PDB file of N, CA and C in Angstrom:
ATOM      1  N   UNK A   1      46.855 -13.072 -10.049  1.00  0.00           N
ATOM      2  CA  UNK A   1      45.944 -12.211  -9.422  1.00  0.00           C
ATOM      3  C   UNK A   1      45.448 -13.126  -8.453  1.00  0.00           C
ATOM      4  N   UNK A   2      44.689 -14.339  -8.762  1.00  0.00           N
ATOM      5  CA  UNK A   2      44.146 -14.803  -7.498  1.00  0.00           C
ATOM      6  C   UNK A   2      44.732 -14.990  -6.200  1.00  0.00           C
ATOM      7  N   UNK A   3      45.825 -15.226  -6.649  1.00  0.00           N
ATOM      8  CA  UNK A   3      46.283 -15.473  -5.402  1.00  0.00           C
ATOM      9  C   UNK A   3      47.143 -14.129  -4.566  1.00  0.00           C
ATOM     10  N   UNK A   4      47.223 -12.958  -5.279  1.00  0.00           N
ATOM     11  CA  UNK A   4      47.291 -12.063  -4.478  1.00  0.00           C
ATOM     12  C   UNK A   4      46.411 -11.216  -4.002  1.00  0.00           C
ATOM     13  N   UNK A   5      45.244 -11.328  -4.479  1.00  0.00           N
ATOM     14  CA  UNK A   5      43.600 -10.974  -3.878  1.00  0.00           C
ATOM     15  C   UNK A   5      43.066 -11.867  -2.878  1.00  0.00           C
ATOM     16  N   UNK A   6      43.743 -13.007  -2.736  1.00  0.00           N
ATOM     17  CA  UNK A   6      43.418 -13.773  -1.925  1.00  0.00           C
ATOM     18  C   UNK A   6      44.240 -13.741  -0.387  1.00  0.00           C
ATOM     19  N   UNK A   7      45.672 -13.329  -0.694  1.00  0.00           N
ATOM     20  CA  UNK A   7      46.229 -12.651   0.325  1.00  0.00           C
ATOM     21  C   UNK A   7      45.820 -11.934   1.180  1.00  0.00           C
ATOM     22  N   UNK A   8      45.493 -10.740   0.243  1.00  0.00           N
ATOM     23  CA  UNK A   8      44.911  -9.693   0.828  1.00  0.00           C
ATOM     24  C   UNK A   8      43.754  -9.303   1.636  1.00  0.00           C
ATOM     25  N   UNK A   9      43.069 -10.108   1.003  1.00  0.00           N
ATOM     26  CA  UNK A   9      41.794 -10.415   1.707  1.00  0.00           C
ATOM     27  C   UNK A   9      41.336 -11.074   3.052  1.00  0.00           C
ATOM     28  N   UNK A  10      42.218 -12.073   3.112  1.00  0.00           N
ATOM     29  CA  UNK A  10      42.506 -13.012   4.126  1.00  0.00           C
ATOM     30  C   UNK A  10      43.495 -12.140   5.797  1.00  0.00           C
ATOM     31  N   UNK A  11      43.871 -11.487   5.171  1.00  0.00           N
ATOM     32  CA  UNK A  11      44.795 -10.637   6.092  1.00  0.00           C
ATOM     33  C   UNK A  11      43.488  -9.282   6.546  1.00  0.00           C
ATOM     34  N   UNK A  12      42.927  -8.991   5.940  1.00  0.00           N
ATOM     35  CA  UNK A  12      41.859  -7.975   6.201  1.00  0.00           C
ATOM     36  C   UNK A  12      40.860  -8.295   7.110  1.00  0.00           C
ATOM     37  N   UNK A  13      39.885  -9.742   6.912  1.00  0.00           N
ATOM     38  CA  UNK A  13      38.735 -10.381   7.453  1.00  0.00           C
ATOM     39  C   UNK A  13      39.189 -10.896   8.548  1.00  0.00           C
ATOM     40  N   UNK A  14      37.990 -11.108   9.416  1.00  0.00           N
ATOM     41  CA  UNK A  14      37.778 -12.160  10.992  1.00  0.00           C
ATOM     42  C   UNK A  14      37.523 -13.233  10.221  1.00  0.00           C
ATOM     43  N   UNK A  15      37.415 -14.313   8.915  1.00  0.00           N
ATOM     44  CA  UNK A  15      36.700 -15.245   8.889  1.00  0.00           C
ATOM     45  C   UNK A  15      37.694 -15.492   7.523  1.00  0.00           C
ATOM     46  N   UNK A  16      38.905 -15.923   7.820  1.00  0.00           N
ATOM     47  CA  UNK A  16      39.364 -15.751   6.446  1.00  0.00           C
ATOM     48  C   UNK A  16      39.158 -17.302   5.907  1.00  0.00           C
ATOM     49  N   UNK A  17      38.517 -17.805   6.918  1.00  0.00           N
ATOM     50  CA  UNK A  17      38.336 -19.533   5.663  1.00  0.00           C
ATOM     51  C   UNK A  17      37.271 -19.508   5.155  1.00  0.00           C
ATOM     52  N   UNK A  18      36.584 -18.343   5.256  1.00  0.00           N
ATOM     53  CA  UNK A  18      35.221 -18.314   4.041  1.00  0.00           C
ATOM     54  C   UNK A  18      35.430 -17.108   3.002  1.00  0.00           C
ATOM     55  N   UNK A  19      36.492 -16.785   2.677  1.00  0.00           N
ATOM     56  CA  UNK A  19      37.241 -16.161   1.328  1.00  0.00           C
ATOM     57  C   UNK A  19      37.236 -17.097   0.211  1.00  0.00           C
ATOM     58  N   UNK A  20      36.630 -16.532  -0.597  1.00  0.00           N
ATOM     59  CA  UNK A  20      36.096 -17.356  -2.159  1.00  0.00           C
ATOM     60  C   UNK A  20      37.309 -16.367  -2.946  1.00  0.00           C
ATOM     61  N   UNK A  21      38.394 -16.822  -3.907  1.00  0.00           N
ATOM     62  CA  UNK A  21      38.321 -16.047  -4.987  1.00  0.00           C
ATOM     63  C   UNK A  21      38.054 -16.870  -6.332  1.00  0.00           C
ATOM     64  N   UNK A  22      37.638 -16.333  -7.541  1.00  0.00           N
ATOM     65  CA  UNK A  22      37.759 -17.039  -8.630  1.00  0.00           C
ATOM     66  C   UNK A  22      38.044 -15.899  -9.934  1.00  0.00           C
ATOM     67  N   UNK A  23      38.824 -16.889 -10.623  1.00  0.00           N
ATOM     68  CA  UNK A  23      39.411 -15.723 -11.924  1.00  0.00           C
ATOM     69  C   UNK A  23      38.882 -16.083 -13.204  1.00  0.00           C
ATOM     70  N   UNK A  24      38.198 -15.483 -14.163  1.00  0.00           N
ATOM     71  CA  UNK A  24      37.949 -15.848 -15.192  1.00  0.00           C
ATOM     72  C   UNK A  24      38.850 -15.051 -16.322  1.00  0.00           C
ATOM     73  N   UNK A  25      39.482 -15.686 -17.070  1.00  0.00           N
ATOM     74  CA  UNK A  25      40.360 -15.109 -18.264  1.00  0.00           C
ATOM     75  C   UNK A  25      39.532 -14.919 -19.289  1.00  0.00           C
ATOM     76  N   UNK A  26      39.513 -14.155 -20.345  1.00  0.00           N
ATOM     77  CA  UNK A  26      38.755 -14.140 -21.800  1.00  0.00           C
ATOM     78  C   UNK A  26      39.712 -13.083 -22.433  1.00  0.00           C
ATOM     79  N   UNK A  27      40.603 -13.779 -23.178  1.00  0.00           N
ATOM     80  CA  UNK A  27      41.346 -12.841 -24.000  1.00  0.00           C
ATOM     81  C   UNK A  27      42.549 -12.511 -23.440  1.00  0.00           C
ATOM     82  N   UNK A  28      42.470 -11.132 -23.188  1.00  0.00           N
ATOM     83  CA  UNK A  28      43.200  -9.807 -22.488  1.00  0.00           C
ATOM     84  C   UNK A  28      42.929 -10.083 -21.099  1.00  0.00           C
ATOM     85  N   UNK A  29      41.310  -9.700 -21.010  1.00  0.00           N
ATOM     86  CA  UNK A  29      40.663  -9.701 -19.937  1.00  0.00           C
ATOM     87  C   UNK A  29      40.412 -10.522 -19.025  1.00  0.00           C
ATOM     88  N   UNK A  30      40.662 -10.202 -17.591  1.00  0.00           N
ATOM     89  CA  UNK A  30      40.924 -11.299 -16.148  1.00  0.00           C
ATOM     90  C   UNK A  30      39.991 -10.757 -15.594  1.00  0.00           C
ATOM     91  N   UNK A  31      38.910 -11.614 -14.747  1.00  0.00           N
ATOM     92  CA  UNK A  31      38.216 -10.992 -13.820  1.00  0.00           C
ATOM     93  C   UNK A  31      37.732 -11.417 -12.875  1.00  0.00           C
ATOM     94  N   UNK A  32      38.622 -11.276 -11.768  1.00  0.00           N
ATOM     95  CA  UNK A  32      38.563 -12.060 -10.306  1.00  0.00           C
ATOM     96  C   UNK A  32      37.559 -11.432  -9.499  1.00  0.00           C
ATOM     97  N   UNK A  33      37.026 -12.583  -9.219  1.00  0.00           N
ATOM     98  CA  UNK A  33      35.604 -11.925  -8.273  1.00  0.00           C
ATOM     99  C   UNK A  33      35.945 -12.227  -6.739  1.00  0.00           C
ATOM    100  N   UNK A  34      36.028 -11.743  -5.488  1.00  0.00           N
ATOM    101  CA  UNK A  34      36.066 -11.816  -4.714  1.00  0.00           C
ATOM    102  C   UNK A  34      35.124 -12.014  -3.748  1.00  0.00           C
ATOM    103  N   UNK A  35      34.651 -13.014  -2.799  1.00  0.00           N
ATOM    104  CA  UNK A  35      33.845 -13.544  -1.867  1.00  0.00           C
ATOM    105  C   UNK A  35      34.118 -13.638  -0.473  1.00  0.00           C
ATOM    106  N   UNK A  36      33.384 -12.624   0.257  1.00  0.00           N
ATOM    107  CA  UNK A  36      33.907 -13.037   1.379  1.00  0.00           C
ATOM    108  C   UNK A  36      32.528 -12.790   2.451  1.00  0.00           C
ATOM    109  N   UNK A  37      32.554 -12.936   3.823  1.00  0.00           N
ATOM    110  CA  UNK A  37      31.596 -13.458   4.631  1.00  0.00           C
ATOM    111  C   UNK A  37      30.454 -12.415   4.802  1.00  0.00           C
ATOM    112  N   UNK A  38      29.325 -12.031   5.087  1.00  0.00           N
ATOM    113  CA  UNK A  38      28.622 -11.029   4.957  1.00  0.00           C
ATOM    114  C   UNK A  38      29.169  -9.816   5.859  1.00  0.00           C
ATOM    115  N   UNK A  39      29.636 -10.362   7.153  1.00  0.00           N
ATOM    116  CA  UNK A  39      30.257  -9.485   8.136  1.00  0.00           C
ATOM    117  C   UNK A  39      31.038  -9.040   7.773  1.00  0.00           C
ATOM    118  N   UNK A  40      32.229  -9.555   6.965  1.00  0.00           N
ATOM    119  CA  UNK A  40      33.536  -9.169   6.736  1.00  0.00           C
ATOM    120  C   UNK A  40      33.292  -7.804   5.599  1.00  0.00           C
ATOM    121  N   UNK A  41      32.377  -7.905   4.575  1.00  0.00           N
ATOM    122  CA  UNK A  41      32.249  -6.979   3.556  1.00  0.00           C
ATOM    123  C   UNK A  41      32.666  -5.824   3.885  1.00  0.00           C
ATOM    124  N   UNK A  42      32.680  -5.290   4.800  1.00  0.00           N
ATOM    125  CA  UNK A  42      32.676  -3.852   4.910  1.00  0.00           C
ATOM    126  C   UNK A  42      34.049  -3.393   5.186  1.00  0.00           C
ATOM    127  N   UNK A  43      34.963  -4.487   5.983  1.00  0.00           N
ATOM    128  CA  UNK A  43      36.371  -4.313   5.959  1.00  0.00           C
ATOM    129  C   UNK A  43      36.879  -4.316   4.937  1.00  0.00           C
ATOM    130  N   UNK A  44      36.625  -5.055   3.364  1.00  0.00           N
ATOM    131  CA  UNK A  44      37.067  -5.240   2.657  1.00  0.00           C
ATOM    132  C   UNK A  44      36.564  -4.068   1.620  1.00  0.00           C
ATOM    133  N   UNK A  45      35.857  -3.457   1.650  1.00  0.00           N
ATOM    134  CA  UNK A  45      35.116  -2.330   0.896  1.00  0.00           C
ATOM    135  C   UNK A  45      35.799  -1.260   1.622  1.00  0.00           C
ATOM    136  N   UNK A  46      35.538  -0.980   3.382  1.00  0.00           N
ATOM    137  CA  UNK A  46      36.125   0.015   3.527  1.00  0.00           C
ATOM    138  C   UNK A  46      35.429   1.320   3.426  1.00  0.00           C
ATOM    139  N   UNK A  47      35.618   2.139   4.101  1.00  0.00           N
ATOM    140  CA  UNK A  47      34.639   3.821   4.415  1.00  0.00           C
ATOM    141  C   UNK A  47      34.996   4.117   2.941  1.00  0.00           C
ATOM    142  N   UNK A  48      34.239   4.210   2.561  1.00  0.00           N
ATOM    143  CA  UNK A  48      33.947   5.152   1.087  1.00  0.00           C
ATOM    144  C   UNK A  48      34.780   4.590  -0.076  1.00  0.00           C
ATOM    145  N   UNK A  49      34.571   3.231   0.073  1.00  0.00           N
ATOM    146  CA  UNK A  49      35.395   2.119  -1.031  1.00  0.00           C
ATOM    147  C   UNK A  49      36.671   2.249  -0.704  1.00  0.00           C
ATOM    148  N   UNK A  50      37.348   2.680   0.161  1.00  0.00           N
ATOM    149  CA  UNK A  50      38.945   3.141  -0.078  1.00  0.00           C
ATOM    150  C   UNK A  50      39.807   1.631  -0.297  1.00  0.00           C
ATOM    151  N   UNK A  51      39.393   0.897   0.668  1.00  0.00           N
ATOM    152  CA  UNK A  51      40.514  -0.532   0.709  1.00  0.00           C
ATOM    153  C   UNK A  51      40.198  -1.151  -0.491  1.00  0.00           C
ATOM    154  N   UNK A  52      38.589  -1.000  -1.243  1.00  0.00           N
ATOM    155  CA  UNK A  52      38.449  -1.988  -2.367  1.00  0.00           C
ATOM    156  C   UNK A  52      39.178  -1.388  -3.086  1.00  0.00           C
ATOM    157  N   UNK A  53      39.416   0.114  -3.350  1.00  0.00           N
ATOM    158  CA  UNK A  53      39.784   0.946  -4.089  1.00  0.00           C
ATOM    159  C   UNK A  53      41.852   0.301  -4.139  1.00  0.00           C
ATOM    160  N   UNK A  54      42.173   0.439  -3.306  1.00  0.00           N
ATOM    161  CA  UNK A  54      43.415   0.335  -2.755  1.00  0.00           C
ATOM    162  C   UNK A  54      44.050  -1.318  -3.558  1.00  0.00           C
ATOM    163  N   UNK A  55      42.968  -2.318  -3.357  1.00  0.00           N
ATOM    164  CA  UNK A  55      43.361  -3.813  -3.519  1.00  0.00           C
ATOM    165  C   UNK A  55      43.398  -3.416  -5.346  1.00  0.00           C
ATOM    166  N   UNK A  56      42.523  -3.052  -6.139  1.00  0.00           N
ATOM    167  CA  UNK A  56      42.504  -2.597  -7.590  1.00  0.00           C
ATOM    168  C   UNK A  56      43.764  -2.070  -7.795  1.00  0.00           C
ATOM    169  N   UNK A  57      44.190  -1.272  -7.365  1.00  0.00           N
ATOM    170  CA  UNK A  57      45.378  -0.247  -7.542  1.00  0.00           C
ATOM    171  C   UNK A  57      46.434  -1.638  -7.398  1.00  0.00           C
ATOM    172  N   UNK A  58      46.749  -1.944  -6.191  1.00  0.00           N
ATOM    173  CA  UNK A  58      47.553  -3.518  -6.002  1.00  0.00           C
ATOM    174  C   UNK A  58      47.501  -4.109  -7.199  1.00  0.00           C
ATOM    175  N   UNK A  59      46.660  -4.724  -7.719  1.00  0.00           N
ATOM    176  CA  UNK A  59      46.286  -5.452  -8.974  1.00  0.00           C
ATOM    177  C   UNK A  59      46.640  -4.824  -9.850  1.00  0.00           C
ATOM    178  N   UNK A  60      46.227  -3.956 -10.458  1.00  0.00           N
ATOM    179  CA  UNK A  60      46.691  -3.386 -11.657  1.00  0.00           C
ATOM    180  C   UNK A  60      48.157  -2.814 -11.549  1.00  0.00           C
ATOM    181  N   UNK A  61      48.725  -2.637 -10.319  1.00  0.00           N
ATOM    182  CA  UNK A  61      50.024  -2.500 -10.670  1.00  0.00           C
ATOM    183  C   UNK A  61      51.109  -3.427 -10.780  1.00  0.00           C
ATOM    184  N   UNK A  62      50.609  -5.060 -10.237  1.00  0.00           N
ATOM    185  CA  UNK A  62      51.081  -6.120  -9.797  1.00  0.00           C
ATOM    186  C   UNK A  62      50.813  -6.673 -11.689  1.00  0.00           C
ATOM    187  N   UNK A  63      49.909  -6.378 -12.407  1.00  0.00           N
ATOM    188  CA  UNK A  63      50.035  -6.889 -13.996  1.00  0.00           C
ATOM    189  C   UNK A  63      50.252  -5.660 -15.090  1.00  0.00           C
ATOM    190  N   UNK A  64      50.923  -4.258 -14.566  1.00  0.00           N
ATOM    191  CA  UNK A  64      51.040  -3.515 -15.089  1.00  0.00           C
ATOM    192  C   UNK A  64      52.102  -4.224 -16.631  1.00  0.00           C
ATOM    193  N   UNK A  65      53.172  -5.413 -16.109  1.00  0.00           N
ATOM    194  CA  UNK A  65      54.212  -5.800 -17.354  1.00  0.00           C
ATOM    195  C   UNK A  65      53.242  -6.900 -18.180  1.00  0.00           C
ATOM    196  N   UNK A  66      52.091  -7.109 -18.105  1.00  0.00           N
ATOM    197  CA  UNK A  66      51.406  -8.383 -18.546  1.00  0.00           C
ATOM    198  C   UNK A  66      50.653  -8.036 -19.638  1.00  0.00           C
ATOM    199  N   UNK A  67      50.608  -6.734 -19.808  1.00  0.00           N
ATOM    200  CA  UNK A  67      49.357  -6.178 -21.016  1.00  0.00           C
ATOM    201  C   UNK A  67      48.134  -7.140 -20.588  1.00  0.00           C
ATOM    202  N   UNK A  68      47.484  -7.033 -19.570  1.00  0.00           N
ATOM    203  CA  UNK A  68      46.619  -7.665 -19.438  1.00  0.00           C
ATOM    204  C   UNK A  68      45.385  -6.741 -18.321  1.00  0.00           C
ATOM    205  N   UNK A  69      44.174  -6.531 -18.637  1.00  0.00           N
ATOM    206  CA  UNK A  69      43.296  -5.721 -18.000  1.00  0.00           C
ATOM    207  C   UNK A  69      42.618  -6.318 -16.960  1.00  0.00           C
ATOM    208  N   UNK A  70      42.685  -6.209 -15.242  1.00  0.00           N
ATOM    209  CA  UNK A  70      42.299  -6.933 -14.688  1.00  0.00           C
ATOM    210  C   UNK A  70      41.267  -6.330 -13.602  1.00  0.00           C
ATOM    211  N   UNK A  71      40.225  -6.640 -13.602  1.00  0.00           N
ATOM    212  CA  UNK A  71      39.244  -6.573 -12.962  1.00  0.00           C
ATOM    213  C   UNK A  71      38.792  -7.145 -11.737  1.00  0.00           C
ATOM    214  N   UNK A  72      38.463  -6.860 -10.517  1.00  0.00           N
ATOM    215  CA  UNK A  72      38.350  -7.481  -9.026  1.00  0.00           C
ATOM    216  C   UNK A  72      36.816  -6.545  -8.826  1.00  0.00           C
ATOM    217  N   UNK A  73      36.067  -7.297  -8.551  1.00  0.00           N
ATOM    218  CA  UNK A  73      34.693  -7.503  -8.280  1.00  0.00           C
ATOM    219  C   UNK A  73      34.607  -8.021  -7.223  1.00  0.00           C
ATOM    220  N   UNK A  74      34.095  -7.347  -6.250  1.00  0.00           N
ATOM    221  CA  UNK A  74      33.738  -7.774  -4.820  1.00  0.00           C
ATOM    222  C   UNK A  74      32.487  -7.956  -4.259  1.00  0.00           C
ATOM    223  N   UNK A  75      31.905  -9.426  -4.042  1.00  0.00           N
ATOM    224  CA  UNK A  75      30.576  -9.381  -3.642  1.00  0.00           C
ATOM    225  C   UNK A  75      30.154 -10.612  -2.890  1.00  0.00           C
TER     226      UNK A  75
END
Protein backbone atom coordinates (compact mmCIF):
# COMPACT_ATOMS: atom_id res chain seq x y z
CA UNK A 1 0.00 0.00 0.00
CA UNK A 2 2.92 2.28 0.63
CA UNK A 3 3.83 2.32 -3.06
CA UNK A 4 0.26 3.01 -4.16
CA UNK A 5 -0.12 6.01 -1.86
CA UNK A 6 3.29 7.31 -2.87
CA UNK A 7 2.50 7.17 -6.60
CA UNK A 8 -0.83 8.93 -6.13
CA UNK A 9 0.64 11.64 -3.90
CA UNK A 10 3.61 12.34 -6.19
CA UNK A 11 1.22 12.81 -9.11
CA UNK A 12 -0.74 15.44 -7.18
CA UNK A 13 1.96 17.66 -5.67
CA UNK A 14 4.39 20.26 -7.04
CA UNK A 15 7.30 18.94 -4.95
CA UNK A 16 7.32 15.16 -5.43
CA UNK A 17 10.76 14.88 -3.81
CA UNK A 18 9.26 15.90 -0.46
CA UNK A 19 6.65 13.13 -0.38
CA UNK A 20 7.33 10.68 2.44
CA UNK A 21 5.18 7.61 3.05
CA UNK A 22 5.54 5.41 6.12
CA UNK A 23 3.70 2.14 6.70
CA UNK A 24 3.09 0.49 10.08
CA UNK A 25 1.52 -2.95 10.42
CA UNK A 26 -0.09 -4.22 13.62
CA UNK A 27 -1.84 -7.52 13.02
CA UNK A 28 -4.54 -6.93 10.44
CA UNK A 29 -4.39 -3.15 10.85
CA UNK A 30 -2.13 -1.17 8.54
CA UNK A 31 -1.52 2.55 8.99
CA UNK A 32 -0.08 4.53 6.10
CA UNK A 33 1.25 7.97 7.03
CA UNK A 34 1.61 10.45 4.18
CA UNK A 35 3.77 13.54 4.64
CA UNK A 36 4.02 16.25 1.98
CA UNK A 37 5.43 19.78 1.84
CA UNK A 38 3.32 22.40 3.60
CA UNK A 39 2.64 24.16 0.31
CA UNK A 40 1.25 20.94 -1.20
CA UNK A 41 -1.00 20.02 1.71
CA UNK A 42 -4.07 21.62 0.13
CA UNK A 43 -3.57 19.71 -3.10
CA UNK A 44 -3.49 16.38 -1.30
CA UNK A 45 -6.50 17.14 0.90
CA UNK A 46 -8.59 18.91 -1.74
CA UNK A 47 -11.72 20.98 -1.31
CA UNK A 48 -13.73 19.67 1.64
CA UNK A 49 -11.35 16.68 1.83
CA UNK A 50 -12.48 15.15 -1.45
CA UNK A 51 -9.01 14.18 -2.70
CA UNK A 52 -8.06 12.68 0.68
CA UNK A 53 -11.31 10.70 0.70
CA UNK A 54 -10.64 9.47 -2.84
CA UNK A 55 -7.13 8.32 -1.87
CA UNK A 56 -8.57 6.41 1.09
CA UNK A 57 -11.25 4.84 -1.14
CA UNK A 58 -8.69 3.65 -3.70
CA UNK A 59 -6.49 2.15 -0.99
CA UNK A 60 -9.49 0.44 0.62
CA UNK A 61 -10.50 -1.04 -2.73
CA UNK A 62 -6.96 -2.26 -3.37
CA UNK A 63 -6.87 -4.11 -0.04
CA UNK A 64 -10.39 -5.56 -0.11
CA UNK A 65 -9.06 -9.05 -0.94
CA UNK A 66 -6.34 -9.03 1.73
CA UNK A 67 -8.71 -8.91 4.74
CA UNK A 68 -6.72 -6.02 6.17
CA UNK A 69 -7.91 -2.68 7.50
CA UNK A 70 -5.88 0.19 6.07
CA UNK A 71 -5.96 3.72 7.47
CA UNK A 72 -4.39 6.55 5.49
CA UNK A 73 -3.30 9.51 7.62
CA UNK A 74 -2.19 12.76 6.01
CA UNK A 75 0.03 15.00 8.04
